[in-house]
Amino acid sequence: MKGWLRRADVILILILVVTGAGSWLAVRFLKNQNSPSAIKIRTSDEKFEIPLKDTSLVIPGPLGETEVRIEDKKVWVTKASCPNKLCMRQGKISRPGEAIICLPNRIVISIQGKSKLDAITY
């Protein structure tokens, strides 16, 4: 092992390990800062913000009611009165900045967070 591993190789390996560990810690720290805090709901008539607690909501719209479920810090539409039900197909959202939009019913549901990050790649 002494013949093929030189001092420069050991230094390079140490630099790579330290850089990798630093990157991993930075991502973990930034991910924890970007935690959701509340849900903002906008309709054609009003705006309101609710805490991120397990509950169900019924939101009125021009075409009828839209049922929204909040559970385990995730939000999704369980029942919609719009024709194509695209808001139901958008699935669960859980990160700040994500939104569920129902254009026919004029409802926007978005998750608010404390971070000022523009984007994070997972």
PDB file of N, CA and C in Angstrom:
ATOM      1  N   MET A   1       0.822  -1.188   0.000  1.00  0.00           N
ATOM      2  CA  MET A   1       0.000   0.000   0.000  1.00  0.00           C
ATOM      3  C   MET A   1       0.869   1.255   0.000  1.00  0.00           C
ATOM      4  N   LYS A   2       2.064   1.115   0.483  1.00  0.00           N
ATOM      5  CA  LYS A   2       2.956   2.252   0.543  1.00  0.00           C
ATOM      6  C   LYS A   2       3.390   2.715  -0.843  1.00  0.00           C
ATOM      7  N   GLY A   3       3.420   1.816  -1.804  1.00  0.00           N
ATOM      8  CA  GLY A   3       3.902   2.157  -3.136  1.00  0.00           C
ATOM      9  C   GLY A   3       2.908   2.939  -3.980  1.00  0.00           C
ATOM     10  N   TRP A   4       1.629   2.769  -3.802  1.00  0.00           N
ATOM     11  CA  TRP A   4       0.672   3.430  -4.712  1.00  0.00           C
ATOM     12  C   TRP A   4      -0.099   4.590  -4.064  1.00  0.00           C
ATOM     13  N   LEU A   5      -0.026   4.779  -2.778  1.00  0.00           N
ATOM     14  CA  LEU A   5      -0.721   5.870  -2.101  1.00  0.00           C
ATOM     15  C   LEU A   5       0.309   6.899  -1.625  1.00  0.00           C
ATOM     16  N   ARG A   6       0.264   8.087  -2.232  1.00  0.00           N
ATOM     17  CA  ARG A   6       1.223   9.129  -1.903  1.00  0.00           C
ATOM     18  C   ARG A   6       0.598  10.196  -1.008  1.00  0.00           C
ATOM     19  N   ARG A   7       1.430  11.102  -0.534  1.00  0.00           N
ATOM     20  CA  ARG A   7       0.971  12.172   0.358  1.00  0.00           C
ATOM     21  C   ARG A   7      -0.081  13.041  -0.346  1.00  0.00           C
ATOM     22  N   ALA A   8       0.091  13.352  -1.619  1.00  0.00           N
ATOM     23  CA  ALA A   8      -0.876  14.168  -2.364  1.00  0.00           C
ATOM     24  C   ALA A   8      -2.219  13.446  -2.473  1.00  0.00           C
ATOM     25  N   ASP A   9      -2.198  12.109  -2.613  1.00  0.00           N
ATOM     26  CA  ASP A   9      -3.439  11.333  -2.677  1.00  0.00           C
ATOM     27  C   ASP A   9      -4.213  11.427  -1.359  1.00  0.00           C
ATOM     28  N   VAL A  10      -3.509  11.335  -0.257  1.00  0.00           N
ATOM     29  CA  VAL A  10      -4.149  11.428   1.060  1.00  0.00           C
ATOM     30  C   VAL A  10      -4.742  12.820   1.267  1.00  0.00           C
ATOM     31  N   ILE A  11      -4.006  13.865   0.875  1.00  0.00           N
ATOM     32  CA  ILE A  11      -4.513  15.233   0.997  1.00  0.00           C
ATOM     33  C   ILE A  11      -5.760  15.422   0.133  1.00  0.00           C
ATOM     34  N   LEU A  12      -5.754  14.893  -1.094  1.00  0.00           N
ATOM     35  CA  LEU A  12      -6.913  15.001  -1.983  1.00  0.00           C
ATOM     36  C   LEU A  12      -8.125  14.274  -1.403  1.00  0.00           C
ATOM     37  N   ILE A  13      -7.911  13.116  -0.849  1.00  0.00           N
ATOM     38  CA  ILE A  13      -9.012  12.356  -0.230  1.00  0.00           C
ATOM     39  C   ILE A  13      -9.585  13.128   0.958  1.00  0.00           C
ATOM     40  N   LEU A  14      -8.737  13.700   1.800  1.00  0.00           N
ATOM     41  CA  LEU A  14      -9.208  14.481   2.940  1.00  0.00           C
ATOM     42  C   LEU A  14      -9.992  15.720   2.491  1.00  0.00           C
ATOM     43  N   ILE A  15      -9.530  16.401   1.450  1.00  0.00           N
ATOM     44  CA  ILE A  15     -10.246  17.570   0.936  1.00  0.00           C
ATOM     45  C   ILE A  15     -11.627  17.165   0.426  1.00  0.00           C
ATOM     46  N   LEU A  16     -11.702  16.048  -0.301  1.00  0.00           N
ATOM     47  CA  LEU A  16     -12.986  15.582  -0.815  1.00  0.00           C
ATOM     48  C   LEU A  16     -13.946  15.192   0.308  1.00  0.00           C
ATOM     49  N   VAL A  17     -13.450  14.553   1.361  1.00  0.00           N
ATOM     50  CA  VAL A  17     -14.303  14.158   2.482  1.00  0.00           C
ATOM     51  C   VAL A  17     -14.821  15.393   3.225  1.00  0.00           C
ATOM     52  N   VAL A  18     -13.947  16.361   3.476  1.00  0.00           N
ATOM     53  CA  VAL A  18     -14.360  17.579   4.172  1.00  0.00           C
ATOM     54  C   VAL A  18     -15.362  18.369   3.325  1.00  0.00           C
ATOM     55  N   THR A  19     -15.128  18.485   2.023  1.00  0.00           N
ATOM     56  CA  THR A  19     -16.060  19.195   1.140  1.00  0.00           C
ATOM     57  C   THR A  19     -17.416  18.497   1.097  1.00  0.00           C
ATOM     58  N   GLY A  20     -17.416  17.185   0.998  1.00  0.00           N
ATOM     59  CA  GLY A  20     -18.671  16.430   0.986  1.00  0.00           C
ATOM     60  C   GLY A  20     -19.439  16.583   2.285  1.00  0.00           C
ATOM     61  N   ALA A  21     -18.753  16.497   3.408  1.00  0.00           N
ATOM     62  CA  ALA A  21     -19.428  16.652   4.703  1.00  0.00           C
ATOM     63  C   ALA A  21     -19.970  18.059   4.872  1.00  0.00           C
ATOM     64  N   GLY A  22     -19.226  19.058   4.434  1.00  0.00           N
ATOM     65  CA  GLY A  22     -19.706  20.439   4.519  1.00  0.00           C
ATOM     66  C   GLY A  22     -20.928  20.670   3.654  1.00  0.00           C
ATOM     67  N   SER A  23     -20.935  20.109   2.470  1.00  0.00           N
ATOM     68  CA  SER A  23     -22.097  20.237   1.583  1.00  0.00           C
ATOM     69  C   SER A  23     -23.315  19.562   2.184  1.00  0.00           C
ATOM     70  N   TRP A  24     -23.134  18.395   2.740  1.00  0.00           N
ATOM     71  CA  TRP A  24     -24.247  17.660   3.352  1.00  0.00           C
ATOM     72  C   TRP A  24     -24.834  18.454   4.520  1.00  0.00           C
ATOM     73  N   LEU A  25     -23.964  19.025   5.368  1.00  0.00           N
ATOM     74  CA  LEU A  25     -24.442  19.827   6.492  1.00  0.00           C
ATOM     75  C   LEU A  25     -25.168  21.086   6.017  1.00  0.00           C
ATOM     76  N   ALA A  26     -24.685  21.730   4.967  1.00  0.00           N
ATOM     77  CA  ALA A  26     -25.342  22.933   4.437  1.00  0.00           C
ATOM     78  C   ALA A  26     -26.735  22.609   3.914  1.00  0.00           C
ATOM     79  N   VAL A  27     -26.876  21.510   3.206  1.00  0.00           N
ATOM     80  CA  VAL A  27     -28.191  21.123   2.686  1.00  0.00           C
ATOM     81  C   VAL A  27     -29.141  20.799   3.828  1.00  0.00           C
ATOM     82  N   ARG A  28     -28.686  20.093   4.831  1.00  0.00           N
ATOM     83  CA  ARG A  28     -29.536  19.772   5.981  1.00  0.00           C
ATOM     84  C   ARG A  28     -29.979  21.042   6.714  1.00  0.00           C
ATOM     85  N   PHE A  29     -29.068  21.987   6.885  1.00  0.00           N
ATOM     86  CA  PHE A  29     -29.393  23.232   7.567  1.00  0.00           C
ATOM     87  C   PHE A  29     -30.407  24.046   6.763  1.00  0.00           C
ATOM     88  N   LEU A  30     -30.202  24.187   5.465  1.00  0.00           N
ATOM     89  CA  LEU A  30     -31.111  24.960   4.625  1.00  0.00           C
ATOM     90  C   LEU A  30     -32.477  24.294   4.509  1.00  0.00           C
ATOM     91  N   LYS A  31     -32.508  22.975   4.505  1.00  0.00           N
ATOM     92  CA  LYS A  31     -33.780  22.266   4.424  1.00  0.00           C
ATOM     93  C   LYS A  31     -34.601  22.491   5.699  1.00  0.00           C
ATOM     94  N   ASN A  32     -33.955  22.501   6.859  1.00  0.00           N
ATOM     95  CA  ASN A  32     -34.656  22.741   8.122  1.00  0.00           C
ATOM     96  C   ASN A  32     -35.163  24.172   8.219  1.00  0.00           C
ATOM     97  N   GLN A  33     -34.484  25.114   7.611  1.00  0.00           N
ATOM     98  CA  GLN A  33     -34.917  26.512   7.630  1.00  0.00           C
ATOM     99  C   GLN A  33     -36.158  26.702   6.776  1.00  0.00           C
ATOM    100  N   ASN A  34     -36.360  25.849   5.805  1.00  0.00           N
ATOM    101  CA  ASN A  34     -37.434  26.010   4.830  1.00  0.00           C
ATOM    102  C   ASN A  34     -38.674  25.217   5.228  1.00  0.00           C
ATOM    103  N   SER A  35     -39.012  25.177   6.511  1.00  0.00           N
ATOM    104  CA  SER A  35     -40.158  24.406   6.961  1.00  0.00           C
ATOM    105  C   SER A  35     -41.448  25.209   6.796  1.00  0.00           C
ATOM    106  N   PRO A  36     -42.550  24.519   6.467  1.00  0.00           N
ATOM    107  CA  PRO A  36     -43.819  25.224   6.276  1.00  0.00           C
ATOM    108  C   PRO A  36     -44.373  25.756   7.593  1.00  0.00           C
ATOM    109  N   SER A  37     -45.074  26.895   7.521  1.00  0.00           N
ATOM    110  CA  SER A  37     -45.616  27.487   8.743  1.00  0.00           C
ATOM    111  C   SER A  37     -47.124  27.680   8.693  1.00  0.00           C
ATOM    112  N   ALA A  38     -47.684  27.947   7.523  1.00  0.00           N
ATOM    113  CA  ALA A  38     -49.122  28.209   7.421  1.00  0.00           C
ATOM    114  C   ALA A  38     -49.583  27.956   5.994  1.00  0.00           C
ATOM    115  N   ILE A  39     -50.894  27.997   5.818  1.00  0.00           N
ATOM    116  CA  ILE A  39     -51.495  27.825   4.502  1.00  0.00           C
ATOM    117  C   ILE A  39     -52.249  29.094   4.168  1.00  0.00           C
ATOM    118  N   LYS A  40     -51.997  29.631   2.981  1.00  0.00           N
ATOM    119  CA  LYS A  40     -52.707  30.809   2.522  1.00  0.00           C
ATOM    120  C   LYS A  40     -53.714  30.365   1.460  1.00  0.00           C
ATOM    121  N   ILE A  41     -54.963  30.753   1.641  1.00  0.00           N
ATOM    122  CA  ILE A  41     -56.026  30.399   0.704  1.00  0.00           C
ATOM    123  C   ILE A  41     -56.625  31.683   0.153  1.00  0.00           C
ATOM    124  N   ARG A  42     -56.666  31.771  -1.171  1.00  0.00           N
ATOM    125  CA  ARG A  42     -57.255  32.930  -1.836  1.00  0.00           C
ATOM    126  C   ARG A  42     -58.396  32.464  -2.730  1.00  0.00           C
ATOM    127  N   THR A  43     -59.518  33.119  -2.596  1.00  0.00           N
ATOM    128  CA  THR A  43     -60.656  32.878  -3.484  1.00  0.00           C
ATOM    129  C   THR A  43     -60.937  34.179  -4.230  1.00  0.00           C
ATOM    130  N   SER A  44     -61.953  34.165  -5.066  1.00  0.00           N
ATOM    131  CA  SER A  44     -62.276  35.383  -5.804  1.00  0.00           C
ATOM    132  C   SER A  44     -62.794  36.484  -4.870  1.00  0.00           C
ATOM    133  N   ASP A  45     -63.299  36.100  -3.705  1.00  0.00           N
ATOM    134  CA  ASP A  45     -63.888  37.081  -2.784  1.00  0.00           C
ATOM    135  C   ASP A  45     -63.000  37.450  -1.602  1.00  0.00           C
ATOM    136  N   GLU A  46     -62.196  36.507  -1.105  1.00  0.00           N
ATOM    137  CA  GLU A  46     -61.464  36.760   0.138  1.00  0.00           C
ATOM    138  C   GLU A  46     -60.127  36.041   0.176  1.00  0.00           C
ATOM    139  N   LYS A  47     -59.308  36.446   1.141  1.00  0.00           N
ATOM    140  CA  LYS A  47     -58.016  35.814   1.424  1.00  0.00           C
ATOM    141  C   LYS A  47     -57.977  35.495   2.903  1.00  0.00           C
ATOM    142  N   PHE A  48     -57.436  34.325   3.237  1.00  0.00           N
ATOM    143  CA  PHE A  48     -57.217  34.029   4.649  1.00  0.00           C
ATOM    144  C   PHE A  48     -56.060  33.069   4.805  1.00  0.00           C
ATOM    145  N   GLU A  49     -55.499  33.061   6.006  1.00  0.00           N
ATOM    146  CA  GLU A  49     -54.344  32.223   6.318  1.00  0.00           C
ATOM    147  C   GLU A  49     -54.688  31.392   7.546  1.00  0.00           C
ATOM    148  N   ILE A  50     -54.393  30.095   7.473  1.00  0.00           N
ATOM    149  CA  ILE A  50     -54.695  29.205   8.593  1.00  0.00           C
ATOM    150  C   ILE A  50     -53.429  28.459   8.997  1.00  0.00           C
ATOM    151  N   PRO A  51     -53.325  28.042  10.266  1.00  0.00           N
ATOM    152  CA  PRO A  51     -52.155  27.275  10.701  1.00  0.00           C
ATOM    153  C   PRO A  51     -52.154  25.886  10.067  1.00  0.00           C
ATOM    154  N   LEU A  52     -50.997  25.295  10.039  1.00  0.00           N
ATOM    155  CA  LEU A  52     -50.801  23.987   9.410  1.00  0.00           C
ATOM    156  C   LEU A  52     -51.117  22.877  10.411  1.00  0.00           C
ATOM    157  N   LYS A  53     -52.395  22.742  10.780  1.00  0.00           N
ATOM    158  CA  LYS A  53     -52.846  21.718  11.723  1.00  0.00           C
ATOM    159  C   LYS A  53     -53.772  20.756  11.003  1.00  0.00           C
ATOM    160  N   ASP A  54     -53.861  19.526  11.491  1.00  0.00           N
ATOM    161  CA  ASP A  54     -54.719  18.513  10.874  1.00  0.00           C
ATOM    162  C   ASP A  54     -56.180  18.941  10.945  1.00  0.00           C
ATOM    163  N   THR A  55     -56.778  19.126   9.768  1.00  0.00           N
ATOM    164  CA  THR A  55     -58.173  19.551   9.691  1.00  0.00           C
ATOM    165  C   THR A  55     -58.699  19.367   8.272  1.00  0.00           C
ATOM    166  N   SER A  56     -59.982  19.585   8.103  1.00  0.00           N
ATOM    167  CA  SER A  56     -60.626  19.602   6.788  1.00  0.00           C
ATOM    168  C   SER A  56     -61.335  20.935   6.627  1.00  0.00           C
ATOM    169  N   LEU A  57     -61.320  21.460   5.411  1.00  0.00           N
ATOM    170  CA  LEU A  57     -61.962  22.737   5.115  1.00  0.00           C
ATOM    171  C   LEU A  57     -62.896  22.582   3.929  1.00  0.00           C
ATOM    172  N   VAL A  58     -63.924  23.386   3.903  1.00  0.00           N
ATOM    173  CA  VAL A  58     -64.801  23.483   2.741  1.00  0.00           C
ATOM    174  C   VAL A  58     -64.735  24.932   2.266  1.00  0.00           C
ATOM    175  N   ILE A  59     -64.271  25.115   1.029  1.00  0.00           N
ATOM    176  CA  ILE A  59     -64.078  26.449   0.483  1.00  0.00           C
ATOM    177  C   ILE A  59     -65.110  26.674  -0.621  1.00  0.00           C
ATOM    178  N   PRO A  60     -65.954  27.701  -0.481  1.00  0.00           N
ATOM    179  CA  PRO A  60     -66.943  27.970  -1.535  1.00  0.00           C
ATOM    180  C   PRO A  60     -66.303  28.666  -2.730  1.00  0.00           C
ATOM    181  N   GLY A  61     -66.810  28.349  -3.902  1.00  0.00           N
ATOM    182  CA  GLY A  61     -66.346  28.976  -5.134  1.00  0.00           C
ATOM    183  C   GLY A  61     -67.518  29.194  -6.074  1.00  0.00           C
ATOM    184  N   PRO A  62     -67.282  29.795  -7.239  1.00  0.00           N
ATOM    185  CA  PRO A  62     -68.364  30.068  -8.177  1.00  0.00           C
ATOM    186  C   PRO A  62     -69.068  28.808  -8.696  1.00  0.00           C
ATOM    187  N   LEU A  63     -68.355  27.688  -8.799  1.00  0.00           N
ATOM    188  CA  LEU A  63     -68.945  26.449  -9.305  1.00  0.00           C
ATOM    189  C   LEU A  63     -69.432  25.520  -8.206  1.00  0.00           C
ATOM    190  N   GLY A  64     -69.143  25.840  -6.958  1.00  0.00           N
ATOM    191  CA  GLY A  64     -69.546  24.988  -5.849  1.00  0.00           C
ATOM    192  C   GLY A  64     -68.450  24.916  -4.806  1.00  0.00           C
ATOM    193  N   GLU A  65     -68.537  23.902  -3.968  1.00  0.00           N
ATOM    194  CA  GLU A  65     -67.600  23.782  -2.850  1.00  0.00           C
ATOM    195  C   GLU A  65     -66.400  22.908  -3.212  1.00  0.00           C
ATOM    196  N   THR A  66     -65.260  23.241  -2.610  1.00  0.00           N
ATOM    197  CA  THR A  66     -64.031  22.471  -2.743  1.00  0.00           C
ATOM    198  C   THR A  66     -63.606  22.046  -1.350  1.00  0.00           C
ATOM    199  N   GLU A  67     -63.400  20.745  -1.162  1.00  0.00           N
ATOM    200  CA  GLU A  67     -62.965  20.234   0.138  1.00  0.00           C
ATOM    201  C   GLU A  67     -61.451  20.069   0.140  1.00  0.00           C
ATOM    202  N   VAL A  68     -60.818  20.593   1.183  1.00  0.00           N
ATOM    203  CA  VAL A  68     -59.370  20.550   1.332  1.00  0.00           C
ATOM    204  C   VAL A  68     -59.045  19.827   2.622  1.00  0.00           C
ATOM    205  N   ARG A  69     -58.048  18.947   2.569  1.00  0.00           N
ATOM    206  CA  ARG A  69     -57.619  18.188   3.747  1.00  0.00           C
ATOM    207  C   ARG A  69     -56.192  18.584   4.095  1.00  0.00           C
ATOM    208  N   ILE A  70     -55.936  18.803   5.390  1.00  0.00           N
ATOM    209  CA  ILE A  70     -54.599  19.091   5.909  1.00  0.00           C
ATOM    210  C   ILE A  70     -54.268  18.001   6.910  1.00  0.00           C
ATOM    211  N   GLU A  71     -53.169  17.307   6.665  1.00  0.00           N
ATOM    212  CA  GLU A  71     -52.766  16.217   7.549  1.00  0.00           C
ATOM    213  C   GLU A  71     -51.261  15.998   7.438  1.00  0.00           C
ATOM    214  N   ASP A  72     -50.579  15.857   8.555  1.00  0.00           N
ATOM    215  CA  ASP A  72     -49.122  15.629   8.601  1.00  0.00           C
ATOM    216  C   ASP A  72     -48.346  16.677   7.810  1.00  0.00           C
ATOM    217  N   LYS A  73     -48.752  17.944   7.933  1.00  0.00           N
ATOM    218  CA  LYS A  73     -48.109  19.066   7.247  1.00  0.00           C
ATOM    219  C   LYS A  73     -48.165  18.933   5.728  1.00  0.00           C
ATOM    220  N   LYS A  74     -49.181  18.229   5.220  1.00  0.00           N
ATOM    221  CA  LYS A  74     -49.422  18.106   3.787  1.00  0.00           C
ATOM    222  C   LYS A  74     -50.842  18.570   3.499  1.00  0.00           C
ATOM    223  N   VAL A  75     -51.037  19.157   2.333  1.00  0.00           N
ATOM    224  CA  VAL A  75     -52.332  19.706   1.948  1.00  0.00           C
ATOM    225  C   VAL A  75     -52.722  19.124   0.597  1.00  0.00           C
ATOM    226  N   TRP A  76     -54.006  18.753   0.456  1.00  0.00           N
ATOM    227  CA  TRP A  76     -54.501  18.273  -0.828  1.00  0.00           C
ATOM    228  C   TRP A  76     -56.004  18.486  -0.923  1.00  0.00           C
ATOM    229  N   VAL A  77     -56.503  18.466  -2.152  1.00  0.00           N
ATOM    230  CA  VAL A  77     -57.930  18.638  -2.406  1.00  0.00           C
ATOM    231  C   VAL A  77     -58.561  17.258  -2.468  1.00  0.00           C
ATOM    232  N   THR A  78     -59.591  17.021  -1.646  1.00  0.00           N
ATOM    233  CA  THR A  78     -60.247  15.713  -1.609  1.00  0.00           C
ATOM    234  C   THR A  78     -61.510  15.662  -2.453  1.00  0.00           C
ATOM    235  N   LYS A  79     -62.156  16.813  -2.637  1.00  0.00           N
ATOM    236  CA  LYS A  79     -63.384  16.851  -3.431  1.00  0.00           C
ATOM    237  C   LYS A  79     -63.482  18.214  -4.091  1.00  0.00           C
ATOM    238  N   ALA A  80     -63.819  18.209  -5.390  1.00  0.00           N
ATOM    239  CA  ALA A  80     -63.920  19.467  -6.120  1.00  0.00           C
ATOM    240  C   ALA A  80     -65.162  19.462  -6.997  1.00  0.00           C
ATOM    241  N   SER A  81     -65.710  20.629  -7.217  1.00  0.00           N
ATOM    242  CA  SER A  81     -66.910  20.755  -8.042  1.00  0.00           C
ATOM    243  C   SER A  81     -66.597  21.232  -9.455  1.00  0.00           C
ATOM    244  N   CYS A  82     -65.327  21.422  -9.778  1.00  0.00           N
ATOM    245  CA  CYS A  82     -64.955  21.860 -11.121  1.00  0.00           C
ATOM    246  C   CYS A  82     -65.048  20.682 -12.102  1.00  0.00           C
ATOM    247  N   PRO A  83     -65.192  20.953 -13.406  1.00  0.00           N
ATOM    248  CA  PRO A  83     -65.439  19.880 -14.357  1.00  0.00           C
ATOM    249  C   PRO A  83     -64.285  18.879 -14.526  1.00  0.00           C
ATOM    250  N   ASN A  84     -63.047  19.318 -14.635  1.00  0.00           N
ATOM    251  CA  ASN A  84     -61.932  18.399 -14.909  1.00  0.00           C
ATOM    252  C   ASN A  84     -61.242  17.862 -13.670  1.00  0.00           C
ATOM    253  N   LYS A  85     -61.497  18.443 -12.523  1.00  0.00           N
ATOM    254  CA  LYS A  85     -60.912  18.031 -11.242  1.00  0.00           C
ATOM    255  C   LYS A  85     -59.376  18.024 -11.266  1.00  0.00           C
ATOM    256  N   LEU A  86     -58.791  18.993 -11.966  1.00  0.00           N
ATOM    257  CA  LEU A  86     -57.331  19.074 -12.041  1.00  0.00           C
ATOM    258  C   LEU A  86     -56.703  19.410 -10.697  1.00  0.00           C
ATOM    259  N   CYS A  87     -57.423  20.141  -9.865  1.00  0.00           N
ATOM    260  CA  CYS A  87     -56.885  20.485  -8.542  1.00  0.00           C
ATOM    261  C   CYS A  87     -56.725  19.227  -7.686  1.00  0.00           C
ATOM    262  N   MET A  88     -57.562  18.240  -7.875  1.00  0.00           N
ATOM    263  CA  MET A  88     -57.429  16.979  -7.142  1.00  0.00           C
ATOM    264  C   MET A  88     -56.233  16.181  -7.653  1.00  0.00           C
ATOM    265  N   ARG A  89     -55.959  16.285  -8.942  1.00  0.00           N
ATOM    266  CA  ARG A  89     -54.855  15.533  -9.557  1.00  0.00           C
ATOM    267  C   ARG A  89     -53.490  16.135  -9.260  1.00  0.00           C
ATOM    268  N   GLN A  90     -53.451  17.345  -8.716  1.00  0.00           N
ATOM    269  CA  GLN A  90     -52.166  17.971  -8.399  1.00  0.00           C
ATOM    270  C   GLN A  90     -51.488  17.305  -7.215  1.00  0.00           C
ATOM    271  N   GLY A  91     -52.216  16.515  -6.454  1.00  0.00           N
ATOM    272  CA  GLY A  91     -51.639  15.751  -5.356  1.00  0.00           C
ATOM    273  C   GLY A  91     -51.411  16.567  -4.097  1.00  0.00           C
ATOM    274  N   LYS A  92     -50.570  16.017  -3.230  1.00  0.00           N
ATOM    275  CA  LYS A  92     -50.286  16.649  -1.940  1.00  0.00           C
ATOM    276  C   LYS A  92     -49.130  17.625  -2.084  1.00  0.00           C
ATOM    277  N   ILE A  93     -49.264  18.761  -1.394  1.00  0.00           N
ATOM    278  CA  ILE A  93     -48.169  19.728  -1.352  1.00  0.00           C
ATOM    279  C   ILE A  93     -47.701  19.843   0.089  1.00  0.00           C
ATOM    280  N   SER A  94     -46.389  20.063   0.272  1.00  0.00           N
ATOM    281  CA  SER A  94     -45.862  20.108   1.634  1.00  0.00           C
ATOM    282  C   SER A  94     -44.719  21.111   1.822  1.00  0.00           C
ATOM    283  N   ARG A  95     -44.216  21.714   0.751  1.00  0.00           N
ATOM    284  CA  ARG A  95     -43.084  22.627   0.864  1.00  0.00           C
ATOM    285  C   ARG A  95     -43.519  24.065   0.616  1.00  0.00           C
ATOM    286  N   PRO A  96     -42.889  25.015   1.299  1.00  0.00           N
ATOM    287  CA  PRO A  96     -43.222  26.428   1.065  1.00  0.00           C
ATOM    288  C   PRO A  96     -43.024  26.798  -0.408  1.00  0.00           C
ATOM    289  N   GLY A  97     -43.991  27.534  -0.930  1.00  0.00           N
ATOM    290  CA  GLY A  97     -43.936  27.932  -2.330  1.00  0.00           C
ATOM    291  C   GLY A  97     -44.780  27.065  -3.245  1.00  0.00           C
ATOM    292  N   GLU A  98     -45.101  25.849  -2.830  1.00  0.00           N
ATOM    293  CA  GLU A  98     -45.949  24.991  -3.650  1.00  0.00           C
ATOM    294  C   GLU A  98     -47.391  25.470  -3.558  1.00  0.00           C
ATOM    295  N   ALA A  99     -48.169  25.197  -4.616  1.00  0.00           N
ATOM    296  CA  ALA A  99     -49.548  25.673  -4.631  1.00  0.00           C
ATOM    297  C   ALA A  99     -50.450  24.694  -5.371  1.00  0.00           C
ATOM    298  N   ILE A 100     -51.709  24.689  -4.985  1.00  0.00           N
ATOM    299  CA  ILE A 100     -52.765  23.986  -5.705  1.00  0.00           C
ATOM    300  C   ILE A 100     -53.689  25.074  -6.231  1.00  0.00           C
ATOM    301  N   ILE A 101     -53.943  25.038  -7.536  1.00  0.00           N
ATOM    302  CA  ILE A 101     -54.729  26.089  -8.166  1.00  0.00           C
ATOM    303  C   ILE A 101     -55.915  25.470  -8.891  1.00  0.00           C
ATOM    304  N   CYS A 102     -57.090  25.989  -8.612  1.00  0.00           N
ATOM    305  CA  CYS A 102     -58.308  25.579  -9.307  1.00  0.00           C
ATOM    306  C   CYS A 102     -58.839  26.807 -10.045  1.00  0.00           C
ATOM    307  N   LEU A 103     -58.554  26.895 -11.332  1.00  0.00           N
ATOM    308  CA  LEU A 103     -58.967  28.071 -12.098  1.00  0.00           C
ATOM    309  C   LEU A 103     -60.478  28.185 -12.271  1.00  0.00           C
ATOM    310  N   PRO A 104     -61.196  27.093 -12.595  1.00  0.00           N
ATOM    311  CA  PRO A 104     -62.645  27.254 -12.759  1.00  0.00           C
ATOM    312  C   PRO A 104     -63.348  27.721 -11.475  1.00  0.00           C
ATOM    313  N   ASN A 105     -62.858  27.278 -10.326  1.00  0.00           N
ATOM    314  CA  ASN A 105     -63.475  27.639  -9.056  1.00  0.00           C
ATOM    315  C   ASN A 105     -62.807  28.859  -8.416  1.00  0.00           C
ATOM    316  N   ARG A 106     -61.756  29.380  -9.048  1.00  0.00           N
ATOM    317  CA  ARG A 106     -61.021  30.568  -8.601  1.00  0.00           C
ATOM    318  C   ARG A 106     -60.502  30.429  -7.174  1.00  0.00           C
ATOM    319  N   ILE A 107     -59.775  29.318  -6.927  1.00  0.00           N
ATOM    320  CA  ILE A 107     -59.204  29.058  -5.604  1.00  0.00           C
ATOM    321  C   ILE A 107     -57.711  28.788  -5.756  1.00  0.00           C
ATOM    322  N   VAL A 108     -56.903  29.434  -4.908  1.00  0.00           N
ATOM    323  CA  VAL A 108     -55.460  29.196  -4.867  1.00  0.00           C
ATOM    324  C   VAL A 108     -55.094  28.841  -3.432  1.00  0.00           C
ATOM    325  N   ILE A 109     -54.472  27.672  -3.254  1.00  0.00           N
ATOM    326  CA  ILE A 109     -54.030  27.207  -1.937  1.00  0.00           C
ATOM    327  C   ILE A 109     -52.513  27.117  -1.999  1.00  0.00           C
ATOM    328  N   SER A 110     -51.820  27.859  -1.143  1.00  0.00           N
ATOM    329  CA  SER A 110     -50.357  27.826  -1.161  1.00  0.00           C
ATOM    330  C   SER A 110     -49.828  27.651   0.250  1.00  0.00           C
ATOM    331  N   ILE A 111     -48.621  27.095   0.331  1.00  0.00           N
ATOM    332  CA  ILE A 111     -47.971  26.883   1.625  1.00  0.00           C
ATOM    333  C   ILE A 111     -46.964  27.997   1.854  1.00  0.00           C
ATOM    334  N   GLN A 112     -47.036  28.611   3.008  1.00  0.00           N
ATOM    335  CA  GLN A 112     -46.144  29.695   3.381  1.00  0.00           C
ATOM    336  C   GLN A 112     -45.027  29.149   4.256  1.00  0.00           C
ATOM    337  N   GLY A 113     -43.847  29.728   4.135  1.00  0.00           N
ATOM    338  CA  GLY A 113     -42.713  29.308   4.948  1.00  0.00           C
ATOM    339  C   GLY A 113     -41.924  30.496   5.440  1.00  0.00           C
ATOM    340  N   LYS A 114     -40.967  30.230   6.307  1.00  0.00           N
ATOM    341  CA  LYS A 114     -40.172  31.290   6.909  1.00  0.00           C
ATOM    342  C   LYS A 114     -38.908  31.600   6.116  1.00  0.00           C
ATOM    343  N   SER A 115     -38.517  30.727   5.229  1.00  0.00           N
ATOM    344  CA  SER A 115     -37.257  30.890   4.514  1.00  0.00           C
ATOM    345  C   SER A 115     -37.378  31.879   3.368  1.00  0.00           C
ATOM    346  N   LYS A 116     -36.267  32.509   3.041  1.00  0.00           N
ATOM    347  CA  LYS A 116     -36.227  33.422   1.911  1.00  0.00           C
ATOM    348  C   LYS A 116     -35.494  32.788   0.736  1.00  0.00           C
ATOM    349  N   LEU A 117     -35.412  31.464   0.714  1.00  0.00           N
ATOM    350  CA  LEU A 117     -34.754  30.771  -0.379  1.00  0.00           C
ATOM    351  C   LEU A 117     -35.607  30.847  -1.637  1.00  0.00           C
ATOM    352  N   ASP A 118     -34.950  30.936  -2.766  1.00  0.00           N
ATOM    353  CA  ASP A 118     -35.668  30.985  -4.030  1.00  0.00           C
ATOM    354  C   ASP A 118     -36.033  29.583  -4.494  1.00  0.00           C
ATOM    355  N   ALA A 119     -35.110  28.617  -4.334  1.00  0.00           N
ATOM    356  CA  ALA A 119     -35.408  27.254  -4.774  1.00  0.00           C
ATOM    357  C   ALA A 119     -34.450  26.276  -4.092  1.00  0.00           C
ATOM    358  N   ILE A 120     -34.942  25.036  -3.917  1.00  0.00           N
ATOM    359  CA  ILE A 120     -34.108  23.949  -3.417  1.00  0.00           C
ATOM    360  C   ILE A 120     -34.368  22.754  -4.309  1.00  0.00           C
ATOM    361  N   THR A 121     -33.330  22.087  -4.729  1.00  0.00           N
ATOM    362  CA  THR A 121     -33.485  20.889  -5.543  1.00  0.00           C
ATOM    363  C   THR A 121     -33.365  19.677  -4.655  1.00  0.00           C
ATOM    364  N   TYR A 122     -34.354  18.780  -4.754  1.00  0.00           N
ATOM    365  CA  TYR A 122     -34.340  17.562  -3.943  1.00  0.00           C
ATOM    366  C   TYR A 122     -33.952  16.394  -4.782  1.00  0.00           C
TER     367      TYR A 122
END
